[in-house]
Amino acid sequence: MDLKLPKVSGLQVLREIKARPETKALPVVAWTASREERDRAESYLLGVNSYIQKPGILTNSARPFNYCAYWLGVNQPPSSGRL
């Protein structure tokens, strides 16, 4: 899911997904150009499972996808700081 959608905020879409019982458990990956720490922190507070800044490894289809490398090297976990 991109955070910078043209008509509605991706964070608002994430709020809606996590607020509905039928979609709450869906894993959500934020894939965005945003480099703002606030966007990353808020995404995790709202329940995103992973946060990737564009262009990430998902844009290079020539290489096989390595899930360990993704979760340990590409994914940006929430910082220990507050919003």
N, C-alpha and C. Protein backbone atom coordinates (compact mmCIF):
# COMPACT_ATOMS: atom_id res chain seq x y z
N MET A 1 0.83 -1.16 0.00
CA MET A 1 0.00 0.00 0.00
C MET A 1 0.89 1.24 0.00
N ASP A 2 0.60 2.18 -0.86
CA ASP A 2 1.34 3.43 -0.89
C ASP A 2 0.73 4.42 0.09
N LEU A 3 1.55 5.13 0.84
CA LEU A 3 1.03 6.12 1.78
C LEU A 3 0.57 7.39 1.08
N LYS A 4 1.16 7.68 -0.07
CA LYS A 4 0.85 8.93 -0.78
C LYS A 4 -0.09 8.64 -1.95
N LEU A 5 -1.33 8.35 -1.65
CA LEU A 5 -2.34 8.09 -2.67
C LEU A 5 -2.90 9.41 -3.17
N PRO A 6 -3.43 9.45 -4.40
CA PRO A 6 -3.86 10.72 -4.97
C PRO A 6 -5.11 11.34 -4.32
N LYS A 7 -6.05 10.54 -3.84
CA LYS A 7 -7.29 11.12 -3.35
C LYS A 7 -7.50 10.97 -1.85
N VAL A 8 -6.83 10.01 -1.24
CA VAL A 8 -6.99 9.78 0.19
C VAL A 8 -5.63 9.35 0.75
N SER A 9 -5.39 9.66 1.99
CA SER A 9 -4.13 9.28 2.63
C SER A 9 -4.05 7.77 2.82
N GLY A 10 -2.91 7.21 2.52
CA GLY A 10 -2.71 5.78 2.75
C GLY A 10 -2.86 5.44 4.22
N LEU A 11 -2.51 6.38 5.10
CA LEU A 11 -2.69 6.14 6.54
C LEU A 11 -4.17 6.02 6.88
N GLN A 12 -5.02 6.79 6.20
CA GLN A 12 -6.47 6.67 6.42
C GLN A 12 -6.97 5.32 5.93
N VAL A 13 -6.47 4.87 4.79
CA VAL A 13 -6.84 3.54 4.27
C VAL A 13 -6.42 2.47 5.28
N LEU A 14 -5.21 2.61 5.83
CA LEU A 14 -4.73 1.66 6.84
C LEU A 14 -5.64 1.66 8.07
N ARG A 15 -6.06 2.85 8.50
CA ARG A 15 -7.00 2.93 9.64
C ARG A 15 -8.28 2.15 9.35
N GLU A 16 -8.80 2.32 8.15
CA GLU A 16 -10.04 1.63 7.75
C GLU A 16 -9.84 0.11 7.71
N ILE A 17 -8.72 -0.32 7.14
CA ILE A 17 -8.44 -1.76 7.06
C ILE A 17 -8.38 -2.37 8.46
N LYS A 18 -7.69 -1.72 9.37
CA LYS A 18 -7.50 -2.26 10.72
C LYS A 18 -8.73 -2.07 11.61
N ALA A 19 -9.65 -1.20 11.22
CA ALA A 19 -10.86 -0.96 12.02
C ALA A 19 -11.96 -1.98 11.72
N ARG A 20 -11.91 -2.61 10.57
CA ARG A 20 -12.97 -3.54 10.18
C ARG A 20 -12.60 -4.98 10.58
N PRO A 21 -13.49 -5.65 11.26
CA PRO A 21 -13.21 -7.02 11.70
C PRO A 21 -12.84 -7.97 10.56
N GLU A 22 -13.46 -7.79 9.40
CA GLU A 22 -13.20 -8.71 8.28
C GLU A 22 -11.85 -8.47 7.61
N THR A 23 -11.21 -7.33 7.83
CA THR A 23 -9.91 -7.05 7.21
C THR A 23 -8.79 -6.78 8.22
N LYS A 24 -9.13 -6.73 9.50
CA LYS A 24 -8.16 -6.38 10.54
C LYS A 24 -6.91 -7.25 10.53
N ALA A 25 -7.06 -8.54 10.27
CA ALA A 25 -5.92 -9.46 10.33
C ALA A 25 -5.09 -9.51 9.04
N LEU A 26 -5.51 -8.80 8.00
CA LEU A 26 -4.75 -8.80 6.75
C LEU A 26 -3.37 -8.17 6.96
N PRO A 27 -2.33 -8.84 6.49
CA PRO A 27 -1.01 -8.19 6.58
C PRO A 27 -0.93 -7.04 5.58
N VAL A 28 -0.34 -5.94 6.01
CA VAL A 28 -0.22 -4.75 5.16
C VAL A 28 1.24 -4.32 5.13
N VAL A 29 1.75 -4.11 3.92
CA VAL A 29 3.10 -3.60 3.73
C VAL A 29 2.97 -2.19 3.15
N ALA A 30 3.56 -1.22 3.84
CA ALA A 30 3.60 0.14 3.31
C ALA A 30 4.79 0.22 2.37
N TRP A 31 4.54 0.62 1.14
CA TRP A 31 5.59 0.77 0.11
C TRP A 31 5.46 2.19 -0.39
N THR A 32 6.35 3.07 0.03
CA THR A 32 6.15 4.49 -0.17
C THR A 32 7.45 5.24 -0.42
N ALA A 33 7.34 6.39 -1.02
CA ALA A 33 8.49 7.26 -1.22
C ALA A 33 8.77 8.12 0.01
N SER A 34 7.87 8.11 0.97
CA SER A 34 8.03 8.94 2.16
C SER A 34 9.26 8.54 2.96
N ARG A 35 10.06 9.52 3.30
CA ARG A 35 11.23 9.30 4.15
C ARG A 35 10.99 9.90 5.55
N GLU A 36 9.76 10.28 5.82
CA GLU A 36 9.42 10.90 7.09
C GLU A 36 9.31 9.85 8.20
N GLU A 37 10.08 10.05 9.27
CA GLU A 37 10.02 9.14 10.42
C GLU A 37 8.61 9.10 11.00
N ARG A 38 7.93 10.22 10.96
CA ARG A 38 6.56 10.28 11.49
C ARG A 38 5.63 9.34 10.72
N ASP A 39 5.77 9.27 9.38
CA ASP A 39 4.94 8.36 8.58
C ASP A 39 5.22 6.91 8.95
N ARG A 40 6.50 6.58 9.12
CA ARG A 40 6.87 5.21 9.48
C ARG A 40 6.32 4.87 10.86
N ALA A 41 6.52 5.75 11.84
CA ALA A 41 6.05 5.49 13.20
C ALA A 41 4.53 5.35 13.24
N GLU A 42 3.83 6.25 12.56
CA GLU A 42 2.36 6.18 12.56
C GLU A 42 1.86 4.93 11.85
N SER A 43 2.55 4.54 10.79
CA SER A 43 2.17 3.31 10.08
C SER A 43 2.21 2.12 11.02
N TYR A 44 3.29 2.01 11.79
CA TYR A 44 3.40 0.89 12.73
C TYR A 44 2.38 1.00 13.86
N LEU A 45 2.12 2.20 14.34
CA LEU A 45 1.11 2.37 15.38
C LEU A 45 -0.28 1.94 14.90
N LEU A 46 -0.54 2.14 13.61
CA LEU A 46 -1.84 1.78 13.03
C LEU A 46 -1.92 0.31 12.62
N GLY A 47 -0.80 -0.41 12.70
CA GLY A 47 -0.85 -1.84 12.45
C GLY A 47 -0.20 -2.35 11.18
N VAL A 48 0.61 -1.52 10.50
CA VAL A 48 1.30 -2.01 9.30
C VAL A 48 2.29 -3.10 9.73
N ASN A 49 2.49 -4.09 8.87
CA ASN A 49 3.40 -5.19 9.18
C ASN A 49 4.82 -4.94 8.72
N SER A 50 4.98 -4.06 7.75
CA SER A 50 6.30 -3.76 7.21
C SER A 50 6.26 -2.41 6.50
N TYR A 51 7.42 -1.77 6.43
CA TYR A 51 7.51 -0.44 5.81
C TYR A 51 8.72 -0.43 4.88
N ILE A 52 8.49 -0.18 3.60
CA ILE A 52 9.56 -0.14 2.60
C ILE A 52 9.56 1.21 1.92
N GLN A 53 10.74 1.82 1.81
CA GLN A 53 10.85 3.07 1.05
C GLN A 53 11.16 2.75 -0.40
N LYS A 54 10.46 3.40 -1.32
CA LYS A 54 10.74 3.25 -2.75
C LYS A 54 12.07 3.89 -3.08
N PRO A 55 12.80 3.47 -4.05
CA PRO A 55 12.59 2.20 -4.71
C PRO A 55 13.16 1.10 -3.85
N GLY A 56 12.42 0.08 -3.57
CA GLY A 56 12.89 -1.02 -2.74
C GLY A 56 13.26 -2.20 -3.60
N ILE A 57 13.53 -3.31 -2.97
CA ILE A 57 13.91 -4.50 -3.72
C ILE A 57 12.75 -5.03 -4.54
N LEU A 58 11.54 -4.59 -4.23
CA LEU A 58 10.39 -5.08 -4.99
C LEU A 58 10.34 -4.51 -6.40
N THR A 59 11.14 -3.48 -6.68
CA THR A 59 11.13 -2.89 -8.03
C THR A 59 12.10 -3.59 -8.97
N ASN A 60 12.97 -4.43 -8.44
CA ASN A 60 13.96 -5.12 -9.27
C ASN A 60 13.56 -6.58 -9.41
N SER A 61 12.81 -6.89 -10.47
CA SER A 61 12.29 -8.24 -10.65
C SER A 61 13.35 -9.19 -11.21
N ALA A 62 14.54 -8.70 -11.55
CA ALA A 62 15.58 -9.56 -12.09
C ALA A 62 16.19 -10.45 -11.01
N ARG A 63 16.15 -10.03 -9.77
CA ARG A 63 16.71 -10.81 -8.66
C ARG A 63 15.61 -11.61 -7.98
N PRO A 64 15.91 -12.83 -7.55
CA PRO A 64 14.90 -13.57 -6.78
C PRO A 64 14.67 -12.89 -5.44
N PHE A 65 13.48 -12.97 -4.93
CA PHE A 65 13.12 -12.33 -3.67
C PHE A 65 13.60 -13.19 -2.51
N ASN A 66 14.34 -12.63 -1.60
CA ASN A 66 14.87 -13.32 -0.44
C ASN A 66 14.17 -12.78 0.80
N TYR A 67 13.29 -13.57 1.38
CA TYR A 67 12.49 -13.10 2.51
C TYR A 67 13.34 -12.77 3.73
N CYS A 68 14.37 -13.54 4.01
CA CYS A 68 15.24 -13.24 5.15
C CYS A 68 15.94 -11.90 4.94
N ALA A 69 16.48 -11.70 3.74
CA ALA A 69 17.13 -10.42 3.45
C ALA A 69 16.14 -9.28 3.55
N TYR A 70 14.91 -9.52 3.11
CA TYR A 70 13.88 -8.48 3.19
C TYR A 70 13.60 -8.10 4.64
N TRP A 71 13.23 -9.07 5.48
CA TRP A 71 12.82 -8.76 6.85
C TRP A 71 13.98 -8.23 7.69
N LEU A 72 15.21 -8.68 7.40
CA LEU A 72 16.34 -8.25 8.20
C LEU A 72 17.11 -7.06 7.61
N GLY A 73 16.99 -6.83 6.31
CA GLY A 73 17.78 -5.78 5.69
C GLY A 73 17.00 -4.65 5.06
N VAL A 74 15.82 -4.93 4.51
CA VAL A 74 15.05 -3.91 3.80
C VAL A 74 13.95 -3.32 4.67
N ASN A 75 13.23 -4.19 5.38
CA ASN A 75 12.16 -3.72 6.24
C ASN A 75 12.71 -2.72 7.26
N GLN A 76 11.95 -1.65 7.48
CA GLN A 76 12.36 -0.65 8.46
C GLN A 76 11.43 -0.76 9.67
N PRO A 77 11.91 -1.39 10.74
CA PRO A 77 11.06 -1.54 11.91
C PRO A 77 10.81 -0.20 12.59
N PRO A 78 9.82 -0.15 13.47
CA PRO A 78 9.57 1.11 14.16
C PRO A 78 10.77 1.48 15.03
N SER A 79 11.01 2.77 15.13
CA SER A 79 12.10 3.21 16.00
C SER A 79 11.64 3.15 17.45
N SER A 80 12.56 3.25 18.35
CA SER A 80 12.21 3.20 19.77
C SER A 80 11.65 4.54 20.26
N GLY A 81 11.76 5.56 19.41
CA GLY A 81 11.27 6.88 19.78
C GLY A 81 9.77 7.02 19.64
N ARG A 82 9.26 8.13 20.05
CA ARG A 82 7.83 8.42 19.95
C ARG A 82 7.57 9.31 18.77
N LEU A 83 6.29 9.46 18.41
CA LEU A 83 5.89 10.37 17.33
C LEU A 83 6.30 11.80 17.63
